[in-house]
Amino acid sequence: MKVQVRYFASLREALGPQETVELPAGSTVAALRDVLLARGGRHAEVLAPQRAVRCALNQVMADGGAVLEEGAEVAFFPPVTGG
């Protein structure tokens, strides 16, 4: 299945605005992040497990266990702070 991955803020600066990723049916957000990490380079740097990265699935906050469907939109972004 194909999912659309969007990046925001500092992740967008490092990886670009979006990309399409192909995954096995029934994959989760965590599996998607693992696939992106396996690419190495900038993906491994900005999506590293020790980095705080938030995720939304189809514009709703989601955790790593959220199951993806064909055509889903997954957004990764850093935590937002206010002041």
PDB file of N, CA and C in Angstrom:
ATOM      1  N   MET A   1       0.840  -1.173   0.000  1.00  0.00           N
ATOM      2  CA  MET A   1       0.000   0.000   0.000  1.00  0.00           C
ATOM      3  C   MET A   1       0.883   1.234   0.000  1.00  0.00           C
ATOM      4  N   LYS A   2       0.352   2.333  -0.500  1.00  0.00           N
ATOM      5  CA  LYS A   2       1.103   3.587  -0.532  1.00  0.00           C
ATOM      6  C   LYS A   2       0.482   4.569   0.457  1.00  0.00           C
ATOM      7  N   VAL A   3       1.360   5.266   1.181  1.00  0.00           N
ATOM      8  CA  VAL A   3       0.923   6.319   2.083  1.00  0.00           C
ATOM      9  C   VAL A   3       1.688   7.598   1.757  1.00  0.00           C
ATOM     10  N   GLN A   4       1.051   8.712   2.006  1.00  0.00           N
ATOM     11  CA  GLN A   4       1.659  10.021   1.791  1.00  0.00           C
ATOM     12  C   GLN A   4       2.265  10.475   3.111  1.00  0.00           C
ATOM     13  N   VAL A   5       3.546  10.826   3.108  1.00  0.00           N
ATOM     14  CA  VAL A   5       4.231  11.288   4.312  1.00  0.00           C
ATOM     15  C   VAL A   5       4.533  12.771   4.136  1.00  0.00           C
ATOM     16  N   ARG A   6       4.117  13.559   5.116  1.00  0.00           N
ATOM     17  CA  ARG A   6       4.361  15.000   5.086  1.00  0.00           C
ATOM     18  C   ARG A   6       5.237  15.364   6.273  1.00  0.00           C
ATOM     19  N   TYR A   7       6.102  16.330   6.066  1.00  0.00           N
ATOM     20  CA  TYR A   7       7.010  16.794   7.116  1.00  0.00           C
ATOM     21  C   TYR A   7       6.769  18.278   7.367  1.00  0.00           C
ATOM     22  N   PHE A   8       6.905  18.682   8.638  1.00  0.00           N
ATOM     23  CA  PHE A   8       6.675  20.072   9.005  1.00  0.00           C
ATOM     24  C   PHE A   8       7.825  20.614   9.835  1.00  0.00           C
ATOM     25  N   ALA A   9       7.944  21.940   9.818  1.00  0.00           N
ATOM     26  CA  ALA A   9       8.944  22.685  10.606  1.00  0.00           C
ATOM     27  C   ALA A   9      10.356  22.208  10.264  1.00  0.00           C
ATOM     28  N   SER A  10      11.165  21.911  11.277  1.00  0.00           N
ATOM     29  CA  SER A  10      12.567  21.543  11.038  1.00  0.00           C
ATOM     30  C   SER A  10      12.693  20.240  10.239  1.00  0.00           C
ATOM     31  N   LEU A  11      11.732  19.342  10.365  1.00  0.00           N
ATOM     32  CA  LEU A  11      11.781  18.104   9.585  1.00  0.00           C
ATOM     33  C   LEU A  11      11.605  18.404   8.105  1.00  0.00           C
ATOM     34  N   ARG A  12      10.744  19.358   7.805  1.00  0.00           N
ATOM     35  CA  ARG A  12      10.523  19.759   6.408  1.00  0.00           C
ATOM     36  C   ARG A  12      11.799  20.365   5.826  1.00  0.00           C
ATOM     37  N   GLU A  13      12.490  21.160   6.629  1.00  0.00           N
ATOM     38  CA  GLU A  13      13.739  21.768   6.172  1.00  0.00           C
ATOM     39  C   GLU A  13      14.779  20.700   5.848  1.00  0.00           C
ATOM     40  N   ALA A  14      14.789  19.613   6.604  1.00  0.00           N
ATOM     41  CA  ALA A  14      15.776  18.545   6.416  1.00  0.00           C
ATOM     42  C   ALA A  14      15.389  17.556   5.317  1.00  0.00           C
ATOM     43  N   LEU A  15      14.081  17.254   5.197  1.00  0.00           N
ATOM     44  CA  LEU A  15      13.654  16.161   4.325  1.00  0.00           C
ATOM     45  C   LEU A  15      12.787  16.578   3.143  1.00  0.00           C
ATOM     46  N   GLY A  16      12.374  17.833   3.116  1.00  0.00           N
ATOM     47  CA  GLY A  16      11.459  18.281   2.073  1.00  0.00           C
ATOM     48  C   GLY A  16      10.027  18.198   2.558  1.00  0.00           C
ATOM     49  N   PRO A  17       9.096  18.669   1.743  1.00  0.00           N
ATOM     50  CA  PRO A  17       7.714  18.762   2.205  1.00  0.00           C
ATOM     51  C   PRO A  17       6.954  17.441   2.301  1.00  0.00           C
ATOM     52  N   GLN A  18       7.228  16.517   1.399  1.00  0.00           N
ATOM     53  CA  GLN A  18       6.452  15.272   1.406  1.00  0.00           C
ATOM     54  C   GLN A  18       7.086  14.217   0.520  1.00  0.00           C
ATOM     55  N   GLU A  19       6.625  13.009   0.708  1.00  0.00           N
ATOM     56  CA  GLU A  19       7.039  11.889  -0.135  1.00  0.00           C
ATOM     57  C   GLU A  19       6.001  10.783  -0.033  1.00  0.00           C
ATOM     58  N   THR A  20       6.011   9.885  -0.980  1.00  0.00           N
ATOM     59  CA  THR A  20       5.136   8.719  -0.953  1.00  0.00           C
ATOM     60  C   THR A  20       5.984   7.505  -0.593  1.00  0.00           C
ATOM     61  N   VAL A  21       5.451   6.686   0.321  1.00  0.00           N
ATOM     62  CA  VAL A  21       6.181   5.500   0.776  1.00  0.00           C
ATOM     63  C   VAL A  21       5.286   4.286   0.579  1.00  0.00           C
ATOM     64  N   GLU A  22       5.871   3.210   0.085  1.00  0.00           N
ATOM     65  CA  GLU A  22       5.136   1.958  -0.085  1.00  0.00           C
ATOM     66  C   GLU A  22       5.462   1.030   1.083  1.00  0.00           C
ATOM     67  N   LEU A  23       4.408   0.461   1.682  1.00  0.00           N
ATOM     68  CA  LEU A  23       4.532  -0.413   2.859  1.00  0.00           C
ATOM     69  C   LEU A  23       3.640  -1.632   2.685  1.00  0.00           C
ATOM     70  N   PRO A  24       3.923  -2.704   3.437  1.00  0.00           N
ATOM     71  CA  PRO A  24       3.008  -3.847   3.430  1.00  0.00           C
ATOM     72  C   PRO A  24       1.667  -3.468   4.067  1.00  0.00           C
ATOM     73  N   ALA A  25       0.594  -4.085   3.608  1.00  0.00           N
ATOM     74  CA  ALA A  25      -0.726  -3.843   4.187  1.00  0.00           C
ATOM     75  C   ALA A  25      -0.699  -4.115   5.684  1.00  0.00           C
ATOM     76  N   GLY A  26      -1.413  -3.303   6.441  1.00  0.00           N
ATOM     77  CA  GLY A  26      -1.495  -3.481   7.882  1.00  0.00           C
ATOM     78  C   GLY A  26      -0.338  -2.887   8.665  1.00  0.00           C
ATOM     79  N   SER A  27       0.548  -2.160   7.998  1.00  0.00           N
ATOM     80  CA  SER A  27       1.685  -1.541   8.686  1.00  0.00           C
ATOM     81  C   SER A  27       1.201  -0.461   9.651  1.00  0.00           C
ATOM     82  N   THR A  28       2.033  -0.172  10.632  1.00  0.00           N
ATOM     83  CA  THR A  28       1.720   0.853  11.626  1.00  0.00           C
ATOM     84  C   THR A  28       2.576   2.100  11.395  1.00  0.00           C
ATOM     85  N   VAL A  29       2.257   3.147  12.136  1.00  0.00           N
ATOM     86  CA  VAL A  29       3.065   4.362  12.090  1.00  0.00           C
ATOM     87  C   VAL A  29       4.498   4.044  12.510  1.00  0.00           C
ATOM     88  N   ALA A  30       4.671   3.195  13.532  1.00  0.00           N
ATOM     89  CA  ALA A  30       6.014   2.818  13.981  1.00  0.00           C
ATOM     90  C   ALA A  30       6.777   2.089  12.879  1.00  0.00           C
ATOM     91  N   ALA A  31       6.099   1.224  12.140  1.00  0.00           N
ATOM     92  CA  ALA A  31       6.750   0.516  11.029  1.00  0.00           C
ATOM     93  C   ALA A  31       7.164   1.495   9.938  1.00  0.00           C
ATOM     94  N   LEU A  32       6.323   2.489   9.671  1.00  0.00           N
ATOM     95  CA  LEU A  32       6.676   3.513   8.695  1.00  0.00           C
ATOM     96  C   LEU A  32       7.922   4.262   9.142  1.00  0.00           C
ATOM     97  N   ARG A  33       7.955   4.647  10.403  1.00  0.00           N
ATOM     98  CA  ARG A  33       9.132   5.372  10.904  1.00  0.00           C
ATOM     99  C   ARG A  33      10.381   4.505  10.789  1.00  0.00           C
ATOM    100  N   ASP A  34      10.258   3.207  11.065  1.00  0.00           N
ATOM    101  CA  ASP A  34      11.399   2.295  10.932  1.00  0.00           C
ATOM    102  C   ASP A  34      11.895   2.230   9.480  1.00  0.00           C
ATOM    103  N   VAL A  35      10.973   2.190   8.533  1.00  0.00           N
ATOM    104  CA  VAL A  35      11.343   2.161   7.116  1.00  0.00           C
ATOM    105  C   VAL A  35      12.091   3.442   6.753  1.00  0.00           C
ATOM    106  N   LEU A  36      11.605   4.571   7.238  1.00  0.00           N
ATOM    107  CA  LEU A  36      12.263   5.838   6.954  1.00  0.00           C
ATOM    108  C   LEU A  36      13.635   5.906   7.622  1.00  0.00           C
ATOM    109  N   LEU A  37      13.748   5.417   8.847  1.00  0.00           N
ATOM    110  CA  LEU A  37      15.035   5.384   9.549  1.00  0.00           C
ATOM    111  C   LEU A  37      16.050   4.528   8.801  1.00  0.00           C
ATOM    112  N   ALA A  38      15.588   3.422   8.229  1.00  0.00           N
ATOM    113  CA  ALA A  38      16.474   2.496   7.528  1.00  0.00           C
ATOM    114  C   ALA A  38      17.103   3.125   6.284  1.00  0.00           C
ATOM    115  N   ARG A  39      16.548   4.213   5.812  1.00  0.00           N
ATOM    116  CA  ARG A  39      17.132   4.907   4.656  1.00  0.00           C
ATOM    117  C   ARG A  39      18.473   5.541   5.007  1.00  0.00           C
ATOM    118  N   GLY A  40      18.694   5.756   6.304  1.00  0.00           N
ATOM    119  CA  GLY A  40      19.945   6.379   6.734  1.00  0.00           C
ATOM    120  C   GLY A  40      19.953   7.862   6.438  1.00  0.00           C
ATOM    121  N   GLY A  41      21.133   8.444   6.477  1.00  0.00           N
ATOM    122  CA  GLY A  41      21.300   9.855   6.140  1.00  0.00           C
ATOM    123  C   GLY A  41      20.433  10.772   6.980  1.00  0.00           C
ATOM    124  N   ARG A  42      19.854  11.760   6.321  1.00  0.00           N
ATOM    125  CA  ARG A  42      19.030  12.763   7.006  1.00  0.00           C
ATOM    126  C   ARG A  42      17.799  12.146   7.656  1.00  0.00           C
ATOM    127  N   HIS A  43      17.197  11.132   7.017  1.00  0.00           N
ATOM    128  CA  HIS A  43      16.035  10.476   7.623  1.00  0.00           C
ATOM    129  C   HIS A  43      16.397   9.900   8.989  1.00  0.00           C
ATOM    130  N   ALA A  44      17.527   9.195   9.052  1.00  0.00           N
ATOM    131  CA  ALA A  44      17.952   8.578  10.321  1.00  0.00           C
ATOM    132  C   ALA A  44      18.286   9.638  11.360  1.00  0.00           C
ATOM    133  N   GLU A  45      18.791  10.749  10.902  1.00  0.00           N
ATOM    134  CA  GLU A  45      19.166  11.819  11.827  1.00  0.00           C
ATOM    135  C   GLU A  45      17.941  12.496  12.448  1.00  0.00           C
ATOM    136  N   VAL A  46      17.000  12.926  11.622  1.00  0.00           N
ATOM    137  CA  VAL A  46      15.884  13.716  12.152  1.00  0.00           C
ATOM    138  C   VAL A  46      14.749  12.873  12.730  1.00  0.00           C
ATOM    139  N   LEU A  47      14.667  11.590  12.355  1.00  0.00           N
ATOM    140  CA  LEU A  47      13.614  10.720  12.881  1.00  0.00           C
ATOM    141  C   LEU A  47      14.137   9.707  13.902  1.00  0.00           C
ATOM    142  N   ALA A  48      15.364   9.890  14.374  1.00  0.00           N
ATOM    143  CA  ALA A  48      15.977   8.960  15.336  1.00  0.00           C
ATOM    144  C   ALA A  48      15.067   8.745  16.540  1.00  0.00           C
ATOM    145  N   PRO A  49      15.070   7.531  17.093  1.00  0.00           N
ATOM    146  CA  PRO A  49      14.185   7.215  18.223  1.00  0.00           C
ATOM    147  C   PRO A  49      14.342   8.146  19.429  1.00  0.00           C
ATOM    148  N   GLN A  50      15.542   8.651  19.663  1.00  0.00           N
ATOM    149  CA  GLN A  50      15.748   9.522  20.820  1.00  0.00           C
ATOM    150  C   GLN A  50      15.246  10.950  20.581  1.00  0.00           C
ATOM    151  N   ARG A  51      14.887  11.264  19.354  1.00  0.00           N
ATOM    152  CA  ARG A  51      14.373  12.608  19.035  1.00  0.00           C
ATOM    153  C   ARG A  51      12.869  12.656  19.266  1.00  0.00           C
ATOM    154  N   ALA A  52      12.420  13.732  19.855  1.00  0.00           N
ATOM    155  CA  ALA A  52      10.985  13.926  20.070  1.00  0.00           C
ATOM    156  C   ALA A  52      10.337  14.325  18.744  1.00  0.00           C
ATOM    157  N   VAL A  53       9.531  13.432  18.214  1.00  0.00           N
ATOM    158  CA  VAL A  53       8.827  13.682  16.958  1.00  0.00           C
ATOM    159  C   VAL A  53       7.369  13.295  17.172  1.00  0.00           C
ATOM    160  N   ARG A  54       6.485  14.182  16.840  1.00  0.00           N
ATOM    161  CA  ARG A  54       5.046  13.916  16.930  1.00  0.00           C
ATOM    162  C   ARG A  54       4.548  13.409  15.581  1.00  0.00           C
ATOM    163  N   CYS A  55       3.369  12.784  15.623  1.00  0.00           N
ATOM    164  CA  CYS A  55       2.810  12.210  14.403  1.00  0.00           C
ATOM    165  C   CYS A  55       1.304  12.422  14.378  1.00  0.00           C
ATOM    166  N   ALA A  56       0.806  12.663  13.184  1.00  0.00           N
ATOM    167  CA  ALA A  56      -0.639  12.721  12.966  1.00  0.00           C
ATOM    168  C   ALA A  56      -0.971  11.783  11.811  1.00  0.00           C
ATOM    169  N   LEU A  57      -2.066  11.065  11.956  1.00  0.00           N
ATOM    170  CA  LEU A  57      -2.560  10.165  10.919  1.00  0.00           C
ATOM    171  C   LEU A  57      -3.879  10.737  10.422  1.00  0.00           C
ATOM    172  N   ASN A  58      -3.921  11.105   9.155  1.00  0.00           N
ATOM    173  CA  ASN A  58      -5.108  11.724   8.572  1.00  0.00           C
ATOM    174  C   ASN A  58      -5.581  12.904   9.416  1.00  0.00           C
ATOM    175  N   GLN A  59      -4.634  13.736   9.832  1.00  0.00           N
ATOM    176  CA  GLN A  59      -4.839  14.979  10.561  1.00  0.00           C
ATOM    177  C   GLN A  59      -5.360  14.798  11.983  1.00  0.00           C
ATOM    178  N   VAL A  60      -5.137  13.618  12.558  1.00  0.00           N
ATOM    179  CA  VAL A  60      -5.491  13.337  13.951  1.00  0.00           C
ATOM    180  C   VAL A  60      -4.242  12.805  14.636  1.00  0.00           C
ATOM    181  N   MET A  61      -3.906  13.359  15.792  1.00  0.00           N
ATOM    182  CA  MET A  61      -2.720  12.892  16.522  1.00  0.00           C
ATOM    183  C   MET A  61      -2.764  11.372  16.676  1.00  0.00           C
ATOM    184  N   ALA A  62      -1.607  10.741  16.504  1.00  0.00           N
ATOM    185  CA  ALA A  62      -1.542   9.277  16.551  1.00  0.00           C
ATOM    186  C   ALA A  62      -0.242   8.842  17.202  1.00  0.00           C
ATOM    187  N   ASP A  63      -0.232   7.608  17.704  1.00  0.00           N
ATOM    188  CA  ASP A  63       1.002   7.042  18.250  1.00  0.00           C
ATOM    189  C   ASP A  63       1.507   5.968  17.304  1.00  0.00           C
ATOM    190  N   GLY A  64       2.608   5.338  17.668  1.00  0.00           N
ATOM    191  CA  GLY A  64       3.249   4.351  16.811  1.00  0.00           C
ATOM    192  C   GLY A  64       2.408   3.135  16.484  1.00  0.00           C
ATOM    193  N   GLY A  65       1.428   2.838  17.320  1.00  0.00           N
ATOM    194  CA  GLY A  65       0.599   1.661  17.095  1.00  0.00           C
ATOM    195  C   GLY A  65      -0.548   1.857  16.125  1.00  0.00           C
ATOM    196  N   ALA A  66      -0.754   3.077  15.663  1.00  0.00           N
ATOM    197  CA  ALA A  66      -1.852   3.348  14.738  1.00  0.00           C
ATOM    198  C   ALA A  66      -1.623   2.605  13.420  1.00  0.00           C
ATOM    199  N   VAL A  67      -2.654   1.914  12.957  1.00  0.00           N
ATOM    200  CA  VAL A  67      -2.568   1.112  11.732  1.00  0.00           C
ATOM    201  C   VAL A  67      -2.872   1.987  10.524  1.00  0.00           C
ATOM    202  N   LEU A  68      -2.047   1.856   9.502  1.00  0.00           N
ATOM    203  CA  LEU A  68      -2.181   2.643   8.278  1.00  0.00           C
ATOM    204  C   LEU A  68      -3.041   1.919   7.257  1.00  0.00           C
ATOM    205  N   GLU A  69      -3.698   2.701   6.417  1.00  0.00           N
ATOM    206  CA  GLU A  69      -4.483   2.162   5.311  1.00  0.00           C
ATOM    207  C   GLU A  69      -4.001   2.795   4.012  1.00  0.00           C
ATOM    208  N   GLU A  70      -4.319   2.170   2.913  1.00  0.00           N
ATOM    209  CA  GLU A  70      -3.969   2.694   1.591  1.00  0.00           C
ATOM    210  C   GLU A  70      -4.390   4.157   1.482  1.00  0.00           C
ATOM    211  N   GLY A  71      -3.463   4.997   1.020  1.00  0.00           N
ATOM    212  CA  GLY A  71      -3.763   6.401   0.801  1.00  0.00           C
ATOM    213  C   GLY A  71      -3.735   7.272   2.043  1.00  0.00           C
ATOM    214  N   ALA A  72      -3.351   6.711   3.171  1.00  0.00           N
ATOM    215  CA  ALA A  72      -3.313   7.496   4.410  1.00  0.00           C
ATOM    216  C   ALA A  72      -2.302   8.630   4.289  1.00  0.00           C
ATOM    217  N   GLU A  73      -2.553   9.690   5.063  1.00  0.00           N
ATOM    218  CA  GLU A  73      -1.616  10.798   5.159  1.00  0.00           C
ATOM    219  C   GLU A  73      -1.012  10.775   6.560  1.00  0.00           C
ATOM    220  N   VAL A  74       0.303  10.668   6.614  1.00  0.00           N
ATOM    221  CA  VAL A  74       1.017  10.656   7.892  1.00  0.00           C
ATOM    222  C   VAL A  74       1.889  11.902   7.933  1.00  0.00           C
ATOM    223  N   ALA A  75       1.748  12.678   9.001  1.00  0.00           N
ATOM    224  CA  ALA A  75       2.533  13.891   9.159  1.00  0.00           C
ATOM    225  C   ALA A  75       3.470  13.735  10.357  1.00  0.00           C
ATOM    226  N   PHE A  76       4.730  14.093  10.157  1.00  0.00           N
ATOM    227  CA  PHE A  76       5.713  14.099  11.241  1.00  0.00           C
ATOM    228  C   PHE A  76       6.127  15.543  11.497  1.00  0.00           C
ATOM    229  N   PHE A  77       6.215  15.905  12.770  1.00  0.00           N
ATOM    230  CA  PHE A  77       6.612  17.268  13.140  1.00  0.00           C
ATOM    231  C   PHE A  77       7.203  17.275  14.535  1.00  0.00           C
ATOM    232  N   PRO A  78       8.060  18.257  14.819  1.00  0.00           N
ATOM    233  CA  PRO A  78       8.627  18.344  16.163  1.00  0.00           C
ATOM    234  C   PRO A  78       7.576  18.852  17.143  1.00  0.00           C
ATOM    235  N   PRO A  79       7.786  18.614  18.438  1.00  0.00           N
ATOM    236  CA  PRO A  79       6.855  19.159  19.425  1.00  0.00           C
ATOM    237  C   PRO A  79       6.829  20.678  19.342  1.00  0.00           C
ATOM    238  N   VAL A  80       5.707  21.255  19.612  1.00  0.00           N
ATOM    239  CA  VAL A  80       5.557  22.694  19.558  1.00  0.00           C
ATOM    240  C   VAL A  80       5.603  23.252  20.969  1.00  0.00           C
ATOM    241  N   THR A  81       6.341  24.319  21.144  1.00  0.00           N
ATOM    242  CA  THR A  81       6.377  24.967  22.452  1.00  0.00           C
ATOM    243  C   THR A  81       5.757  26.350  22.319  1.00  0.00           C
ATOM    244  N   GLY A  82       5.213  26.794  23.388  1.00  0.00           N
ATOM    245  CA  GLY A  82       4.589  28.128  23.388  1.00  0.00           C
ATOM    246  C   GLY A  82       5.205  28.980  24.469  1.00  0.00           C
ATOM    247  N   GLY A  83       4.858  30.242  24.472  1.00  0.00           N
ATOM    248  CA  GLY A  83       5.442  31.089  25.487  1.00  0.00           C
ATOM    249  C   GLY A  83       4.637  32.300  25.786  1.00  0.00           C
TER     250      GLY A  83
END
